[in-house]
Amino acid sequence: MIRGVTRRISGDEQHLALYFDKVKERLAGLQKSRNYAPQPIVLNLAGKRVGVVFGSQANEDALMPSLASQRAPGQTPDAGCLYFWQDWPGNYCPAIEQDDFDEEVWRHESAAAKIFVPIKKVYYLAWHYARNEFFYCLPATHCQNFIHTTHPLRPQLHAWALQHDLLFAHGAAVEVAGCGIFIGAASGSGKSTLATSCLLAGHKFAGDDYVLIDRGNVAHMVCATANLHLDMLERMPALRRKVIGKDARCDNKTLLDLSDYAQALKQHIKLRMVLIPRLSTNEGPAIRQVSPARPLWEVVRSTAEQNGVPHSRIFINKVFTQLTSLPVYEFLLSPDVNCNVEALETFVKKRKAYVLSE
């Protein structure tokens, strides 16, 4: 068996256009066979109208709840279109005589487009920059709950954001006493619990896990959802009826629909600081300003990994440069979620008074 084979497609923009036409024709055929004839669902992301096209009613029913808060009226996207469907990804590769490679990767990358099918054709990912179209296909056997409890359009939104001078960041955004806070850290650090606790306490909330950040350090909502592990959900009983997805493979991490908290949701928040939560056994929480290099590296690394570009120096530098313009604080969390919010409220008020006195 041959390992580590990379196949590349060559061709000019005309050939690429024909290729993507064929992809869309196949998608349309799959939709027709499933008695599904959708118009693009238009989402408002960072003030831009983005279209989403699914391959079946089942895809739409499973994935739209996490995006419903961003739905915009009408059917005319003007900032690109995202396609998500389920099919065998190998159908979008050219014919290969010997198809038993252990780690085959088939790709094309140029200024016009990117096409990528990784190990054993586990997904198909393609971007056509000129048309502002972003394609994502998974095998029909792929677990819907897993897609749902991460983010259904994550690979496309990363590429789309870069095209529109935005950053698809791994983190939460809240506003406490008028101060916008980006909560960022690796998975399992407590950021979702802290952000959701702030929401329940009546503070403004622009998203958990993923937000779009523009050049002015304004965080824009992607979806009105939060991801919590079951043990944290038990500490916030008000949210138990908000579960819309669960992934048993990730310690039953649950996806919550927070759209009922409309008065606390905010489509965009001006960021004033970065907060790095840390799980702690301390009885009381503690917040302190820290040198940004090491803690921000965790945020940058997790964002790059989530977006599938862990080795992209250009992207890593972009994220690091943008976030280093904000002061960075470390937050040692206590086991008491309400106590953490109270400590954050006190800290923000003292910091605000200090800044105004300068």
Protein backbone atom coordinates (compact mmCIF):
# COMPACT_ATOMS: atom_id res chain seq x y z
CA MET A 1 0.00 0.00 0.00
CA ILE A 2 1.29 3.46 -0.92
CA ARG A 3 1.18 6.14 1.78
CA GLY A 4 1.16 9.92 1.69
CA VAL A 5 0.14 10.45 -1.94
CA THR A 6 -0.89 13.91 -3.06
CA ARG A 7 -2.82 14.32 -6.31
CA ARG A 8 -3.17 17.73 -7.89
CA ILE A 9 -5.46 19.12 -10.54
CA SER A 10 -4.15 21.69 -12.98
CA GLY A 11 -6.08 24.01 -15.21
CA ASP A 12 -6.92 27.62 -15.89
CA GLU A 13 -9.85 29.57 -14.46
CA GLN A 14 -12.12 28.43 -17.29
CA HIS A 15 -11.51 24.76 -16.43
CA LEU A 16 -12.07 25.50 -12.75
CA ALA A 17 -15.35 27.24 -13.52
CA LEU A 18 -16.52 24.19 -15.48
CA TYR A 19 -15.46 21.94 -12.63
CA PHE A 20 -17.48 23.90 -10.07
CA ASP A 21 -20.47 23.95 -12.43
CA LYS A 22 -20.34 20.14 -12.40
CA VAL A 23 -20.19 20.12 -8.59
CA LYS A 24 -23.30 22.29 -8.41
CA GLU A 25 -25.05 20.14 -11.03
CA ARG A 26 -24.43 17.04 -8.93
CA LEU A 27 -25.68 18.82 -5.81
CA ALA A 28 -28.82 19.91 -7.66
CA GLY A 29 -29.36 16.30 -8.76
CA LEU A 30 -29.06 15.08 -5.18
CA GLN A 31 -31.54 17.71 -4.02
CA LYS A 32 -34.01 16.70 -6.72
CA SER A 33 -33.70 13.00 -5.83
CA ARG A 34 -34.58 13.92 -2.25
CA ASN A 35 -37.57 16.07 -3.27
CA TYR A 36 -35.81 19.11 -1.92
CA ALA A 37 -35.84 22.36 -3.89
CA PRO A 38 -34.40 25.10 -1.68
CA GLN A 39 -33.74 28.75 -2.25
CA PRO A 40 -30.63 30.13 -0.53
CA ILE A 41 -31.23 30.81 3.15
CA VAL A 42 -29.83 34.27 3.80
CA LEU A 43 -27.87 34.93 6.99
CA ASN A 44 -26.72 38.27 8.35
CA LEU A 45 -23.08 37.83 9.36
CA ALA A 46 -21.13 40.92 10.41
CA GLY A 47 -23.59 43.08 8.46
CA LYS A 48 -23.19 41.04 5.27
CA ARG A 49 -25.87 38.93 3.58
CA VAL A 50 -24.53 35.41 3.14
CA GLY A 51 -26.45 32.60 1.45
CA VAL A 52 -26.56 29.01 2.70
CA VAL A 53 -27.66 26.08 0.53
CA PHE A 54 -28.22 22.60 2.00
CA GLY A 55 -28.37 19.30 0.19
CA SER A 56 -31.51 17.96 1.85
CA GLN A 57 -34.33 18.86 4.18
CA ALA A 58 -32.68 16.67 6.82
CA ASN A 59 -29.50 18.79 6.67
CA GLU A 60 -31.52 21.99 6.92
CA ASP A 61 -33.65 20.72 9.82
CA ALA A 62 -30.60 19.51 11.74
CA LEU A 63 -28.32 22.49 11.25
CA MET A 64 -30.48 25.60 10.90
CA PRO A 65 -31.51 25.82 14.58
CA SER A 66 -27.98 26.90 15.50
CA LEU A 67 -28.04 29.60 12.79
CA ALA A 68 -31.66 30.74 13.05
CA SER A 69 -30.82 33.87 15.07
CA GLN A 70 -28.88 35.23 12.09
CA ARG A 71 -31.53 34.61 9.46
CA ALA A 72 -32.23 37.68 7.33
CA PRO A 73 -35.36 38.37 5.25
CA GLY A 74 -35.33 37.76 1.50
CA GLN A 75 -33.41 35.34 -0.70
CA THR A 76 -30.74 37.54 -2.23
CA PRO A 77 -27.28 37.04 -0.74
CA ASP A 78 -24.72 39.63 -1.78
CA ALA A 79 -21.63 38.46 0.11
CA GLY A 80 -21.19 34.92 -1.16
CA CYS A 81 -22.84 31.55 -0.70
CA LEU A 82 -22.03 28.52 1.48
CA TYR A 83 -23.01 25.01 0.36
CA PHE A 84 -23.34 22.11 2.77
CA TRP A 85 -24.49 18.62 1.77
CA GLN A 86 -23.83 14.91 2.32
CA ASP A 87 -22.49 12.61 -0.39
CA TRP A 88 -19.42 10.45 -0.99
CA PRO A 89 -16.56 13.00 -1.28
CA GLY A 90 -14.73 10.78 -3.75
CA ASN A 91 -17.39 11.68 -6.34
CA TYR A 92 -15.75 15.10 -6.61
CA CYS A 93 -12.24 13.79 -7.37
CA PRO A 94 -11.03 12.87 -10.84
CA ALA A 95 -10.94 9.17 -11.67
CA ILE A 96 -7.93 7.41 -10.15
CA GLU A 97 -6.97 3.94 -11.37
CA GLN A 98 -5.51 2.71 -8.11
CA ASP A 99 -7.74 3.93 -5.31
CA ASP A 100 -6.32 2.24 -2.22
CA PHE A 101 -3.95 4.86 -0.87
CA ASP A 102 -3.77 4.92 2.89
CA GLU A 103 -3.26 8.67 3.20
CA GLU A 104 -4.26 10.08 -0.16
CA VAL A 105 -4.79 13.80 -0.48
CA TRP A 106 -6.26 15.32 -3.62
CA ARG A 107 -5.95 19.06 -3.92
CA HIS A 108 -5.74 22.19 -6.01
CA GLU A 109 -4.75 25.58 -4.69
CA SER A 110 -4.34 28.83 -6.58
CA ALA A 111 -5.39 32.47 -6.40
CA ALA A 112 -8.70 31.47 -8.02
CA ALA A 113 -9.73 28.43 -5.99
CA LYS A 114 -8.90 25.77 -3.45
CA ILE A 115 -10.07 22.14 -3.55
CA PHE A 116 -9.15 19.68 -0.81
CA VAL A 117 -10.08 16.03 -0.16
CA PRO A 118 -7.96 14.57 2.69
CA ILE A 119 -7.22 11.15 4.11
CA LYS A 120 -9.52 8.44 2.76
CA LYS A 121 -11.89 11.08 1.33
CA VAL A 122 -13.48 11.84 4.70
CA TYR A 123 -14.75 15.19 3.43
CA TYR A 124 -14.74 17.47 0.42
CA LEU A 125 -13.84 21.11 0.90
CA ALA A 126 -13.61 23.63 -1.92
CA TRP A 127 -13.58 27.41 -2.26
CA HIS A 128 -14.07 29.38 -5.45
CA TYR A 129 -12.82 32.83 -4.58
CA ALA A 130 -13.91 34.61 -7.75
CA ARG A 131 -17.51 33.48 -7.32
CA ASN A 132 -17.39 33.82 -3.54
CA GLU A 133 -18.70 30.24 -3.22
CA PHE A 134 -17.67 27.81 -0.50
CA PHE A 135 -18.42 24.07 -0.66
CA TYR A 136 -18.42 21.49 2.14
CA CYS A 137 -19.48 17.85 1.66
CA LEU A 138 -19.42 14.97 4.15
CA PRO A 139 -20.22 11.27 3.74
CA ALA A 140 -23.85 10.43 4.45
CA THR A 141 -22.69 8.22 7.33
CA HIS A 142 -21.14 11.17 9.17
CA CYS A 143 -22.69 11.84 12.56
CA GLN A 144 -25.12 14.77 12.34
CA ASN A 145 -24.87 15.44 16.08
CA PHE A 146 -21.12 15.88 15.82
CA ILE A 147 -21.56 18.47 13.05
CA HIS A 148 -24.25 20.16 15.05
CA THR A 149 -22.37 20.48 18.31
CA THR A 150 -19.25 21.94 16.71
CA HIS A 151 -20.25 24.33 13.95
CA PRO A 152 -21.87 23.13 10.72
CA LEU A 153 -20.18 25.69 8.47
CA ARG A 154 -16.88 26.18 10.28
CA PRO A 155 -14.45 25.44 7.39
CA GLN A 156 -16.40 27.64 4.99
CA LEU A 157 -16.87 30.50 7.45
CA HIS A 158 -13.12 30.60 8.05
CA ALA A 159 -12.40 30.99 4.33
CA TRP A 160 -15.33 33.35 3.82
CA ALA A 161 -14.20 35.54 6.73
CA LEU A 162 -10.69 35.91 5.31
CA GLN A 163 -12.19 37.01 2.00
CA HIS A 164 -14.12 39.73 3.80
CA ASP A 165 -11.32 40.93 6.08
CA LEU A 166 -12.82 39.24 9.13
CA LEU A 167 -11.45 36.74 11.62
CA PHE A 168 -13.47 33.63 12.46
CA ALA A 169 -12.23 33.33 16.03
CA HIS A 170 -12.52 30.48 18.51
CA GLY A 171 -13.90 32.17 21.60
CA ALA A 172 -16.87 33.88 23.20
CA ALA A 173 -17.84 37.55 23.40
CA VAL A 174 -19.80 39.22 26.19
CA GLU A 175 -20.37 42.77 27.39
CA VAL A 176 -20.27 43.44 31.12
CA ALA A 177 -21.08 46.94 32.40
CA GLY A 178 -20.46 48.35 28.94
CA CYS A 179 -17.07 46.62 28.55
CA GLY A 180 -16.71 44.20 25.62
CA ILE A 181 -14.76 41.07 26.52
CA PHE A 182 -13.37 38.36 24.26
CA ILE A 183 -13.14 35.11 26.25
CA GLY A 184 -10.64 32.84 24.59
CA ALA A 185 -8.74 29.68 25.45
CA ALA A 186 -8.44 26.07 24.43
CA SER A 187 -11.46 23.79 24.71
CA GLY A 188 -12.29 22.72 28.25
CA SER A 189 -10.97 25.90 29.88
CA GLY A 190 -14.35 27.14 31.12
CA LYS A 191 -14.97 29.89 28.58
CA SER A 192 -18.41 28.56 27.57
CA THR A 193 -19.49 28.27 31.18
CA LEU A 194 -18.33 31.80 31.94
CA ALA A 195 -19.96 33.31 28.85
CA THR A 196 -23.25 31.50 29.48
CA SER A 197 -23.21 32.50 33.14
CA CYS A 198 -22.83 36.14 32.07
CA LEU A 199 -25.84 35.76 29.79
CA LEU A 200 -27.98 34.30 32.58
CA ALA A 201 -26.93 37.20 34.83
CA GLY A 202 -28.37 39.65 32.29
CA HIS A 203 -25.19 40.75 30.51
CA LYS A 204 -24.94 41.10 26.74
CA PHE A 205 -23.88 38.04 24.76
CA ALA A 206 -22.60 37.86 21.16
CA GLY A 207 -21.70 34.18 20.97
CA ASP A 208 -19.92 31.23 22.47
CA ASP A 209 -17.22 29.16 20.79
CA TYR A 210 -17.10 31.24 17.59
CA VAL A 211 -17.44 34.92 16.74
CA LEU A 212 -16.40 37.06 13.78
CA ILE A 213 -13.96 39.85 14.65
CA ASP A 214 -13.41 42.79 12.31
CA ARG A 215 -10.42 45.11 11.94
CA GLY A 216 -11.88 47.48 14.54
CA ASN A 217 -11.94 44.68 17.14
CA VAL A 218 -15.71 44.43 17.04
CA ALA A 219 -17.01 40.91 17.69
CA HIS A 220 -20.03 39.91 15.59
CA MET A 221 -22.46 37.11 16.44
CA VAL A 222 -22.37 33.95 14.32
CA CYS A 223 -25.07 32.04 16.17
CA ALA A 224 -27.06 32.35 19.40
CA THR A 225 -25.87 29.06 20.85
CA ALA A 226 -23.55 27.77 23.55
CA ASN A 227 -21.71 24.49 24.10
CA LEU A 228 -21.62 23.07 27.61
CA HIS A 229 -20.51 19.80 29.12
CA LEU A 230 -23.17 17.99 31.11
CA ASP A 231 -21.58 18.72 34.49
CA MET A 232 -21.71 22.45 33.80
CA LEU A 233 -25.25 22.20 32.51
CA GLU A 234 -26.26 20.67 35.83
CA ARG A 235 -25.10 23.86 37.56
CA MET A 236 -27.37 25.98 35.35
CA PRO A 237 -30.77 24.28 35.51
CA ALA A 238 -32.47 27.13 33.62
CA LEU A 239 -30.76 25.90 30.46
CA ARG A 240 -31.71 22.23 30.63
CA ARG A 241 -34.63 22.70 28.25
CA LYS A 242 -32.51 24.57 25.70
CA VAL A 243 -30.57 21.53 24.44
CA ILE A 244 -30.78 21.09 20.64
CA GLY A 245 -27.83 18.77 20.06
CA LYS A 246 -25.61 16.34 21.93
CA ASP A 247 -22.38 14.55 21.05
CA ALA A 248 -21.72 11.38 23.05
CA ARG A 249 -18.17 11.20 21.66
CA CYS A 250 -17.25 14.47 23.40
CA ASP A 251 -18.42 13.72 26.94
CA ASN A 252 -22.00 14.49 25.92
CA LYS A 253 -21.14 18.07 25.09
CA THR A 254 -24.48 19.77 24.52
CA LEU A 255 -25.48 22.51 22.13
CA LEU A 256 -27.92 25.03 23.62
CA ASP A 257 -30.30 27.32 21.76
CA LEU A 258 -30.17 30.71 23.53
CA SER A 259 -32.45 32.58 21.15
CA ASP A 260 -35.12 32.87 23.89
CA TYR A 261 -32.78 35.29 25.66
CA ALA A 262 -33.32 37.88 22.94
CA GLN A 263 -32.93 40.92 25.21
CA ALA A 264 -29.47 39.76 26.26
CA LEU A 265 -28.26 38.93 22.74
CA LYS A 266 -26.20 41.57 20.95
CA GLN A 267 -25.21 41.31 17.30
CA HIS A 268 -21.92 43.14 17.75
CA ILE A 269 -19.76 44.08 20.73
CA LYS A 270 -16.77 46.41 20.75
CA LEU A 271 -13.97 44.50 22.45
CA ARG A 272 -11.93 46.19 25.18
CA MET A 273 -10.00 43.23 26.58
CA VAL A 274 -9.12 39.56 26.20
CA LEU A 275 -9.94 37.30 29.13
CA ILE A 276 -8.23 33.91 29.50
CA PRO A 277 -10.18 31.63 31.88
CA ARG A 278 -8.42 28.93 33.89
CA LEU A 279 -10.08 26.14 35.84
CA SER A 280 -9.03 26.38 39.47
CA THR A 281 -9.71 24.74 42.82
CA ASN A 282 -9.48 28.09 44.60
CA GLU A 283 -12.44 29.00 46.78
CA GLY A 284 -12.63 32.47 45.32
CA PRO A 285 -12.00 33.68 41.74
CA ALA A 286 -9.09 35.95 40.85
CA ILE A 287 -8.37 38.19 37.83
CA ARG A 288 -4.99 39.66 36.98
CA GLN A 289 -3.38 41.31 33.99
CA VAL A 290 -0.69 39.19 32.35
CA SER A 291 1.90 39.48 29.63
CA PRO A 292 -0.02 38.59 26.46
CA ALA A 293 2.50 36.37 24.66
CA ARG A 294 1.92 32.96 26.24
CA PRO A 295 -1.85 33.12 26.97
CA LEU A 296 -2.62 34.63 23.58
CA TRP A 297 -0.68 31.84 21.94
CA GLU A 298 -3.26 29.40 23.34
CA VAL A 299 -6.09 31.42 21.77
CA VAL A 300 -4.27 31.75 18.45
CA ARG A 301 -3.37 28.06 18.35
CA SER A 302 -6.91 26.91 19.15
CA THR A 303 -8.35 29.28 16.53
CA ALA A 304 -5.90 28.01 13.90
CA GLU A 305 -6.63 24.37 14.80
CA GLN A 306 -10.39 24.89 14.76
CA ASN A 307 -10.12 26.49 11.33
CA GLY A 308 -7.97 23.69 9.94
CA VAL A 309 -4.85 25.81 9.43
CA PRO A 310 -2.62 24.90 12.42
CA HIS A 311 0.59 25.46 10.42
CA SER A 312 -0.34 28.65 8.55
CA ARG A 313 2.13 31.29 9.67
CA ILE A 314 0.24 34.00 7.80
CA PHE A 315 -3.02 33.23 9.59
CA ILE A 316 -1.37 32.78 12.99
CA ASN A 317 0.41 36.13 12.66
CA LYS A 318 -2.85 37.79 11.63
CA VAL A 319 -4.71 36.53 14.70
CA PHE A 320 -1.86 37.29 17.08
CA THR A 321 -1.33 40.81 15.71
CA GLN A 322 -5.01 41.65 15.99
CA LEU A 323 -5.51 40.37 19.54
CA THR A 324 -2.29 41.86 20.95
CA SER A 325 -3.82 45.31 20.50
CA LEU A 326 -6.04 44.48 23.52
CA PRO A 327 -4.99 44.08 27.17
CA VAL A 328 -4.98 40.46 28.32
CA TYR A 329 -6.19 39.21 31.70
CA GLU A 330 -6.11 35.77 33.28
CA PHE A 331 -9.20 34.68 35.20
CA LEU A 332 -8.83 31.88 37.76
CA LEU A 333 -12.34 30.47 37.97
CA SER A 334 -13.95 29.17 41.13
CA PRO A 335 -16.36 26.21 41.08
CA ASP A 336 -19.22 28.63 41.81
CA VAL A 337 -20.44 30.00 38.44
CA ASN A 338 -22.37 32.85 40.06
CA CYS A 339 -19.37 33.90 42.11
CA ASN A 340 -17.31 34.10 38.90
CA VAL A 341 -19.77 36.51 37.30
CA GLU A 342 -19.85 38.69 40.40
CA ALA A 343 -16.05 38.84 40.43
CA LEU A 344 -16.02 39.82 36.75
CA GLU A 345 -18.60 42.56 37.36
CA THR A 346 -16.53 43.97 40.23
CA PHE A 347 -13.33 43.81 38.21
CA VAL A 348 -14.84 45.58 35.18
CA LYS A 349 -16.27 48.39 37.33
CA LYS A 350 -12.95 48.95 39.10
CA ARG A 351 -11.06 48.86 35.80
CA LYS A 352 -13.53 51.32 34.25
CA ALA A 353 -13.12 53.72 37.17
CA TYR A 354 -9.34 53.45 36.93
CA VAL A 355 -9.31 54.15 33.18
CA LEU A 356 -11.60 57.17 33.61
CA SER A 357 -9.40 58.58 36.36
CA GLU A 358 -6.26 58.55 34.20
